[in-house]
Amino acid sequence: MQSNHSNTGSTLPNNTLRISAVILAIVAIGLVILGVTTRAQQYANLKAQADKQAVPTVSVGLPTASEGEATLELPGRFEAQARAPIYARVGGYLKSWKADIGTAVKSGQLLGEIETPDLDQELLQARADLASAQANVSLAETTAKRWQEMLTTQSIAKQEVDEKVGDYASKQAIVKAAEANVNRLVALKGFARIVAPFDGSVTARNTDTGALINAGSSTALPLFEVSDTRKLRLYVNIPQNYVASIKVGTQAKITVPEHPGKIYTATINSTSGSINAASGTTLVQLSVNNAAGELLSGGFANVSLDLPSNKRLLSVPASALIFDQAGLRVATVGADNKVVLKAITISRDFGKSIELDSGVEASDRVIENPPDGLSNGDLVSIAKLN
């Protein structure tokens, strides 16, 4: 009896231990399963978040129609309507000058006088040579007439008469040459008086009383410079893209630094009709009325030209342009939120906006600031407008 009781008592603890072990195993398995499931869920959440962040968010906008007139701002340079640097035609010394820079002068007004001692002596000698030639021709004329009269009496040979007549003709030619030389020197003497070629003002004086004047020197400066600034020429270099929009007679607005806030009007007179290969521009000449004398020859001006707008063309922000090895393009977003890159051609550049000749439609959703590396078919997210 005692042995059976003893066996029963030892069996109970063993069963308890087995049950506890099974429970612990079940709990451990549950914890492992829970941990694996939790980690899988976290991985799935992280992957979904990473995939969401991998899709770039972009702002889009529709192309806008060109409206009104665009303005082209360019620098220009004034020049006098007429400008004459006045050089010396005769050598000598400046006897006196009559007009300084800034002096208003009339056509033919005396600016200065040159003392010409060498030329004066040449003129005296030329006049003496002319007097001698005239005396010789007078004698030759008398001789030729007498010999012609003697020929009628058959007392001399005709050959001798012809010689006397030829000598008279030769002396006449010498007189004409001497007269031409005198006239030449007289004309040169006239250049000793330096006069204004037209109405205007003296814009330069590069000589002074007593200065040596070397006529014909390649390094000599002009003695005076006279400019007519009542009307000015304004020169502007127009980029080739805009040449077709520039028409003769078009009005332009100009401003100058010395008169801030004041606007002047200029009119396009002509264009060079060619493109400068170095700058890609064409030279345009405008005329400006400067009767008040407020604008300065040689000065800088800011020129504003109104360009006609083509309402059929569309404009996009300048930030939307993509320039790479494939050329100039913009990125648009299709109905499936995937990127479609489109090649474009530019009509005019207005700085913040670009007017396009072709490439986009009015219904295209254009990405305003495309991120780097964007390719055809890339999925994007459209940013919501606030």
Protein backbone atom coordinates (compact mmCIF):
# COMPACT_ATOMS: atom_id res chain seq x y z
CA MET A 1 0.00 0.00 0.00
CA GLN A 2 2.76 2.39 0.79
CA SER A 3 4.44 1.92 -2.59
CA ASN A 4 1.32 2.86 -4.60
CA HIS A 5 0.88 6.04 -2.63
CA SER A 6 4.42 6.93 -3.23
CA ASN A 7 4.14 6.49 -7.03
CA THR A 8 1.05 8.68 -7.22
CA GLY A 9 2.76 11.51 -5.38
CA SER A 10 5.74 11.51 -7.78
CA THR A 11 3.57 11.47 -10.92
CA LEU A 12 1.73 14.71 -10.11
CA PRO A 13 4.81 16.96 -10.09
CA ASN A 14 5.99 15.45 -13.38
CA ASN A 15 2.66 16.25 -15.08
CA THR A 16 2.78 19.79 -13.74
CA LEU A 17 6.23 20.23 -15.13
CA ARG A 18 5.16 18.99 -18.57
CA ILE A 19 2.18 21.29 -18.66
CA SER A 20 4.31 24.26 -17.63
CA ALA A 21 6.85 23.43 -20.31
CA VAL A 22 4.15 23.21 -22.95
CA ILE A 23 2.68 26.53 -21.83
CA LEU A 24 6.08 28.17 -21.89
CA ALA A 25 6.72 26.78 -25.37
CA ILE A 26 3.38 28.06 -26.60
CA VAL A 27 4.09 31.51 -25.11
CA ALA A 28 7.55 31.57 -26.68
CA ILE A 29 6.16 30.60 -30.07
CA GLY A 30 3.49 33.30 -29.72
CA LEU A 31 6.09 35.89 -28.86
CA VAL A 32 8.21 34.88 -31.87
CA ILE A 33 5.20 35.02 -34.18
CA LEU A 34 4.19 38.40 -32.75
CA GLY A 35 7.72 39.76 -33.20
CA VAL A 36 7.98 38.51 -36.79
CA THR A 37 4.55 39.93 -37.64
CA THR A 38 5.42 43.29 -36.06
CA ARG A 39 8.70 43.51 -37.92
CA ALA A 40 7.00 42.60 -41.21
CA GLN A 41 4.41 45.30 -40.65
CA GLN A 42 7.11 47.87 -39.82
CA TYR A 43 9.04 46.90 -42.95
CA ALA A 44 5.92 47.23 -45.06
CA ASN A 45 5.21 50.65 -43.53
CA LEU A 46 8.80 51.82 -44.11
CA LYS A 47 8.75 50.56 -47.71
CA ALA A 48 5.46 52.33 -48.39
CA GLN A 49 6.83 55.54 -46.86
CA ALA A 50 10.07 55.28 -48.87
CA ASP A 51 8.16 54.61 -52.08
CA LYS A 52 5.98 57.62 -51.38
CA GLN A 53 9.01 59.83 -50.77
CA ALA A 54 10.68 58.52 -53.97
CA VAL A 55 7.85 60.02 -56.05
CA PRO A 56 8.74 63.72 -56.49
CA THR A 57 6.09 66.31 -55.77
CA VAL A 58 5.90 69.00 -58.45
CA SER A 59 3.96 72.19 -59.09
CA VAL A 60 2.26 72.45 -62.46
CA GLY A 61 0.57 75.20 -64.41
CA LEU A 62 -1.08 75.70 -67.78
CA PRO A 63 0.68 77.73 -70.50
CA THR A 64 -0.65 81.27 -70.76
CA ALA A 65 -1.52 83.16 -73.92
CA SER A 66 0.69 86.12 -74.81
CA GLU A 67 -1.20 89.29 -73.99
CA GLY A 68 -0.53 92.95 -74.75
CA GLU A 69 2.81 94.22 -75.96
CA ALA A 70 6.17 93.04 -74.75
CA THR A 71 8.94 95.52 -74.06
CA LEU A 72 12.55 95.11 -75.12
CA GLU A 73 15.08 97.02 -72.99
CA LEU A 74 18.47 97.67 -74.58
CA PRO A 75 21.42 100.07 -74.12
CA GLY A 76 22.12 102.70 -76.77
CA ARG A 77 24.68 105.37 -77.57
CA PHE A 78 24.07 108.95 -78.78
CA GLU A 79 25.95 110.55 -81.65
CA ALA A 80 25.59 114.00 -83.15
CA GLN A 81 23.50 114.30 -86.30
CA ALA A 82 26.51 115.93 -87.97
CA ARG A 83 30.07 115.91 -86.61
CA ALA A 84 33.08 117.41 -88.37
CA PRO A 85 36.65 117.13 -87.10
CA ILE A 86 38.49 120.08 -88.67
CA TYR A 87 42.11 119.47 -89.69
CA ALA A 88 44.67 121.99 -90.98
CA ARG A 89 45.18 122.13 -94.76
CA VAL A 90 48.18 124.46 -94.50
CA GLY A 91 51.24 124.41 -92.29
CA GLY A 92 52.34 127.24 -90.05
CA TYR A 93 51.59 128.56 -86.58
CA LEU A 94 48.21 129.21 -85.00
CA LYS A 95 47.82 132.96 -85.01
CA SER A 96 44.66 133.00 -82.87
CA TRP A 97 41.53 131.01 -82.01
CA LYS A 98 38.05 132.51 -81.71
CA ALA A 99 35.81 129.75 -80.26
CA ASP A 100 36.32 127.42 -77.31
CA ILE A 101 34.48 124.19 -76.46
CA GLY A 102 30.77 124.65 -75.85
CA THR A 103 30.57 127.75 -78.06
CA ALA A 104 27.60 127.86 -80.41
CA VAL A 105 28.75 128.74 -83.92
CA LYS A 106 27.14 129.50 -87.27
CA SER A 107 28.12 128.16 -90.65
CA GLY A 108 31.17 130.08 -91.94
CA GLN A 109 31.99 131.59 -88.53
CA LEU A 110 35.73 132.05 -87.91
CA LEU A 111 37.18 129.54 -85.42
CA GLY A 112 40.88 130.34 -85.77
CA GLU A 113 43.61 131.69 -88.04
CA ILE A 114 46.92 130.15 -89.09
CA GLU A 115 49.98 132.27 -89.84
CA THR A 116 51.63 130.85 -93.01
CA PRO A 117 55.00 132.53 -93.74
CA ASP A 118 56.23 129.74 -96.07
CA LEU A 119 53.02 129.73 -98.06
CA ASP A 120 53.08 133.52 -98.33
CA GLN A 121 56.53 133.39 -99.93
CA GLU A 122 55.44 130.65 -102.33
CA LEU A 123 52.48 132.78 -103.36
CA LEU A 124 54.72 135.80 -104.01
CA GLN A 125 57.04 133.71 -106.15
CA ALA A 126 54.12 132.20 -108.06
CA ARG A 127 52.71 135.64 -108.84
CA ALA A 128 56.14 136.79 -110.04
CA ASP A 129 56.38 133.72 -112.27
CA LEU A 130 52.93 134.53 -113.64
CA ALA A 131 53.95 138.13 -114.42
CA SER A 132 57.09 136.90 -116.21
CA ALA A 133 55.06 134.38 -118.21
CA GLN A 134 52.53 137.03 -119.18
CA ALA A 135 55.34 139.34 -120.38
CA ASN A 136 56.83 136.51 -122.41
CA VAL A 137 53.51 135.63 -124.02
CA SER A 138 52.91 139.27 -124.93
CA LEU A 139 56.27 139.42 -126.72
CA ALA A 140 55.63 136.06 -128.40
CA GLU A 141 52.24 137.29 -129.61
CA THR A 142 53.73 140.45 -131.16
CA THR A 143 56.50 138.45 -132.82
CA ALA A 144 54.10 135.89 -134.24
CA LYS A 145 51.89 138.62 -135.75
CA ARG A 146 54.86 140.36 -137.39
CA TRP A 147 56.15 137.17 -138.94
CA GLN A 148 52.70 136.34 -140.26
CA GLU A 149 52.57 139.79 -141.92
CA MET A 150 56.04 139.25 -143.43
CA LEU A 151 54.88 135.93 -144.82
CA THR A 152 52.48 137.76 -147.12
CA THR A 153 55.42 139.48 -148.80
CA GLN A 154 57.16 136.16 -149.44
CA SER A 155 60.27 137.48 -147.71
CA ILE A 156 60.55 134.68 -145.18
CA ALA A 157 59.94 130.96 -145.15
CA LYS A 158 56.66 129.56 -143.86
CA GLN A 159 58.61 127.21 -141.57
CA GLU A 160 59.97 130.17 -139.65
CA VAL A 161 56.47 131.65 -139.26
CA ASP A 162 55.16 128.33 -137.91
CA GLU A 163 57.97 128.26 -135.37
CA LYS A 164 57.06 131.75 -134.11
CA VAL A 165 53.35 130.84 -133.89
CA GLY A 166 54.20 127.62 -132.01
CA ASP A 167 56.37 129.55 -129.58
CA TYR A 168 53.45 131.90 -128.91
CA ALA A 169 51.13 128.94 -128.16
CA SER A 170 53.76 127.46 -125.85
CA LYS A 171 54.06 130.74 -123.95
CA GLN A 172 50.27 130.85 -123.58
CA ALA A 173 50.32 127.37 -121.99
CA ILE A 174 53.03 128.53 -119.57
CA VAL A 175 50.83 131.47 -118.56
CA LYS A 176 47.89 129.14 -117.88
CA ALA A 177 50.09 126.87 -115.76
CA ALA A 178 51.37 129.87 -113.79
CA GLU A 179 47.82 131.11 -113.28
CA ALA A 180 46.75 127.66 -112.03
CA ASN A 181 49.64 127.60 -109.58
CA VAL A 182 48.71 131.05 -108.25
CA ASN A 183 45.06 130.00 -107.89
CA ARG A 184 46.12 126.85 -106.04
CA LEU A 185 48.20 128.80 -103.56
CA VAL A 186 45.46 131.39 -103.11
CA ALA A 187 43.03 128.57 -102.34
CA LEU A 188 45.46 127.11 -99.82
CA LYS A 189 45.89 130.54 -98.27
CA GLY A 190 42.13 130.59 -97.78
CA PHE A 191 42.46 127.54 -95.52
CA ALA A 192 44.52 129.66 -93.14
CA ARG A 193 41.11 130.86 -91.95
CA ILE A 194 39.44 127.99 -90.08
CA VAL A 195 35.66 128.33 -90.24
CA ALA A 196 32.68 126.31 -89.01
CA PRO A 197 31.26 124.04 -91.75
CA PHE A 198 27.68 124.21 -90.40
CA ASP A 199 25.61 125.52 -87.51
CA GLY A 200 26.40 123.73 -84.28
CA SER A 201 28.73 123.94 -81.32
CA VAL A 202 32.44 123.43 -80.74
CA THR A 203 32.90 120.08 -78.98
CA ALA A 204 36.72 119.95 -79.09
CA ARG A 205 39.68 122.34 -79.39
CA ASN A 206 43.10 120.69 -79.62
CA THR A 207 45.33 123.67 -80.34
CA ASP A 208 46.37 127.01 -78.90
CA THR A 209 47.95 130.28 -79.98
CA GLY A 210 51.49 129.78 -81.29
CA ALA A 211 51.13 126.02 -81.76
CA LEU A 212 53.02 124.53 -84.71
CA ILE A 213 50.63 123.27 -87.37
CA ASN A 214 51.81 120.35 -89.53
CA ALA A 215 49.36 119.94 -92.38
CA GLY A 216 48.97 116.43 -93.77
CA SER A 217 50.51 114.63 -90.79
CA SER A 218 48.89 111.22 -90.17
CA THR A 219 49.28 111.66 -86.40
CA ALA A 220 47.91 115.20 -86.19
CA LEU A 221 44.80 115.82 -84.10
CA PRO A 222 41.94 117.87 -85.48
CA LEU A 223 42.30 121.52 -84.51
CA PHE A 224 38.59 121.82 -83.74
CA GLU A 225 35.53 119.63 -83.78
CA VAL A 226 32.10 121.02 -84.57
CA SER A 227 28.93 119.01 -83.91
CA ASP A 228 25.30 119.65 -84.68
CA THR A 229 23.53 118.31 -81.58
CA ARG A 230 20.10 119.85 -82.20
CA LYS A 231 19.21 116.40 -83.49
CA LEU A 232 20.95 113.25 -82.33
CA ARG A 233 21.41 109.79 -83.73
CA LEU A 234 20.86 106.91 -81.31
CA TYR A 235 22.46 103.55 -82.15
CA VAL A 236 21.17 100.29 -80.65
CA ASN A 237 22.21 96.68 -81.30
CA ILE A 238 19.09 94.52 -81.66
CA PRO A 239 19.38 90.73 -81.10
CA GLN A 240 18.60 88.68 -84.20
CA ASN A 241 15.47 87.13 -82.61
CA TYR A 242 13.77 90.54 -82.55
CA VAL A 243 14.90 91.98 -85.89
CA ALA A 244 11.67 90.99 -87.65
CA SER A 245 9.65 92.97 -85.07
CA ILE A 246 11.63 96.20 -85.62
CA LYS A 247 10.07 98.45 -88.24
CA VAL A 248 11.20 101.82 -89.60
CA GLY A 249 9.06 104.56 -88.05
CA THR A 250 8.51 102.68 -84.76
CA GLN A 251 8.58 104.91 -81.69
CA ALA A 252 10.87 104.12 -78.75
CA LYS A 253 11.10 105.51 -75.24
CA ILE A 254 14.51 106.47 -73.90
CA THR A 255 15.87 107.49 -70.52
CA VAL A 256 19.29 108.87 -69.56
CA PRO A 257 21.13 108.78 -66.22
CA GLU A 258 21.56 112.57 -66.02
CA HIS A 259 17.77 113.14 -66.12
CA PRO A 260 16.24 110.36 -63.98
CA GLY A 261 12.51 109.91 -64.35
CA LYS A 262 12.29 111.89 -67.60
CA ILE A 263 11.27 110.01 -70.75
CA TYR A 264 12.28 111.08 -74.27
CA THR A 265 10.96 109.83 -77.59
CA ALA A 266 13.03 108.46 -80.48
CA THR A 267 12.04 107.19 -83.93
CA ILE A 268 13.65 104.32 -85.81
CA ASN A 269 15.17 105.70 -89.04
CA SER A 270 17.02 102.75 -90.53
CA THR A 271 18.77 99.45 -89.86
CA SER A 272 22.06 98.09 -91.12
CA GLY A 273 20.28 95.23 -92.89
CA SER A 274 22.87 92.69 -91.74
CA ILE A 275 23.77 90.63 -88.68
CA ASN A 276 27.10 91.09 -86.93
CA ALA A 277 28.58 87.59 -86.82
CA ALA A 278 30.49 88.31 -83.60
CA SER A 279 27.55 89.62 -81.55
CA GLY A 280 24.53 88.18 -83.37
CA THR A 281 22.90 91.62 -83.51
CA THR A 282 21.90 94.16 -86.12
CA LEU A 283 22.60 97.88 -85.79
CA VAL A 284 19.52 100.12 -85.65
CA GLN A 285 19.61 103.93 -85.98
CA LEU A 286 17.05 106.13 -84.25
CA SER A 287 16.67 109.92 -84.39
CA VAL A 288 16.06 112.07 -81.32
CA ASN A 289 15.03 115.72 -81.22
CA ASN A 290 17.48 117.57 -78.96
CA ALA A 291 16.47 121.17 -79.56
CA ALA A 292 16.58 121.79 -75.79
CA GLY A 293 20.16 120.50 -75.62
CA GLU A 294 19.42 118.16 -72.69
CA LEU A 295 20.92 115.06 -74.30
CA LEU A 296 24.68 114.71 -74.74
CA SER A 297 26.46 113.40 -77.80
CA GLY A 298 28.40 110.23 -76.95
CA GLY A 299 26.22 109.58 -73.91
CA PHE A 300 24.53 106.36 -72.80
CA ALA A 301 20.76 105.83 -73.04
CA ASN A 302 18.37 103.08 -72.04
CA VAL A 303 16.07 102.30 -74.98
CA SER A 304 12.63 100.72 -74.49
CA LEU A 305 11.01 99.23 -77.59
CA ASP A 306 7.43 97.94 -77.63
CA LEU A 307 7.22 94.63 -79.49
CA PRO A 308 3.92 93.43 -80.99
CA SER A 309 2.52 90.33 -79.31
CA ASN A 310 1.23 87.25 -81.14
CA LYS A 311 -1.83 86.08 -79.22
CA ARG A 312 -1.66 82.63 -80.85
CA LEU A 313 1.57 81.87 -79.02
CA LEU A 314 1.82 80.45 -75.51
CA SER A 315 4.15 81.42 -72.69
CA VAL A 316 5.64 79.31 -69.89
CA PRO A 317 7.76 80.31 -66.87
CA ALA A 318 11.46 80.53 -67.59
CA SER A 319 12.06 78.10 -64.69
CA ALA A 320 10.20 75.38 -66.64
CA LEU A 321 12.92 75.08 -69.30
CA ILE A 322 15.14 71.99 -69.39
CA PHE A 323 18.33 72.20 -71.45
CA ASP A 324 20.38 69.01 -71.84
CA GLN A 325 21.97 66.89 -74.55
CA ALA A 326 18.53 66.35 -76.08
CA GLY A 327 18.04 70.10 -76.58
CA LEU A 328 15.55 72.55 -75.14
CA ARG A 329 12.46 70.94 -73.59
CA VAL A 330 9.73 71.32 -70.97
CA ALA A 331 8.29 68.60 -68.72
CA THR A 332 4.53 68.05 -68.73
CA VAL A 333 2.36 65.73 -66.63
CA GLY A 334 -0.04 63.35 -68.37
CA ALA A 335 -3.41 62.08 -67.17
CA ASP A 336 -1.69 59.15 -65.39
CA ASN A 337 0.61 61.55 -63.47
CA LYS A 338 3.60 60.43 -65.54
CA VAL A 339 6.13 62.80 -67.04
CA VAL A 340 6.10 63.61 -70.76
CA LEU A 341 9.08 65.65 -72.01
CA LYS A 342 8.32 67.89 -75.03
CA ALA A 343 10.80 69.67 -77.32
CA ILE A 344 10.08 73.40 -77.77
CA THR A 345 11.19 76.35 -79.88
CA ILE A 346 11.45 79.83 -78.37
CA SER A 347 9.89 82.87 -79.98
CA ARG A 348 10.94 85.57 -77.48
CA ASP A 349 12.58 85.68 -74.08
CA PHE A 350 10.99 88.12 -71.63
CA GLY A 351 13.13 87.19 -68.64
CA LYS A 352 10.62 85.63 -66.22
CA SER A 353 8.53 84.11 -69.01
CA ILE A 354 9.33 82.51 -72.35
CA GLU A 355 7.11 82.84 -75.40
CA LEU A 356 7.11 79.62 -77.44
CA ASP A 357 6.73 79.12 -81.17
CA SER A 358 5.84 75.45 -80.79
CA GLY A 359 6.02 72.43 -78.49
CA VAL A 360 3.14 72.73 -76.02
CA GLU A 361 -0.63 72.93 -76.10
CA ALA A 362 -2.86 75.18 -74.02
CA SER A 363 -4.12 72.14 -72.04
CA ASP A 364 -0.66 70.79 -71.12
CA ARG A 365 0.20 70.71 -67.42
CA VAL A 366 3.74 72.12 -67.43
CA ILE A 367 6.03 71.44 -64.46
CA GLU A 368 7.15 74.86 -63.30
CA ASN A 369 10.39 73.78 -61.57
CA PRO A 370 11.34 70.30 -62.84
CA PRO A 371 13.74 68.41 -60.54
CA ASP A 372 17.07 67.19 -61.88
CA GLY A 373 17.15 63.81 -63.60
CA LEU A 374 13.49 63.82 -64.62
CA SER A 375 12.80 61.39 -67.48
CA ASN A 376 9.91 60.34 -69.68
CA GLY A 377 7.50 58.04 -67.81
CA ASP A 378 8.60 59.06 -64.30
CA LEU A 379 5.72 59.07 -61.81
CA VAL A 380 5.18 62.39 -60.02
CA SER A 381 2.85 63.75 -57.41
CA ILE A 382 1.00 66.99 -58.05
CA ALA A 383 1.36 69.53 -55.26
CA LYS A 384 -1.92 70.81 -53.89
CA LEU A 385 -2.53 74.54 -54.17
CA ASN A 386 -3.11 76.35 -50.88
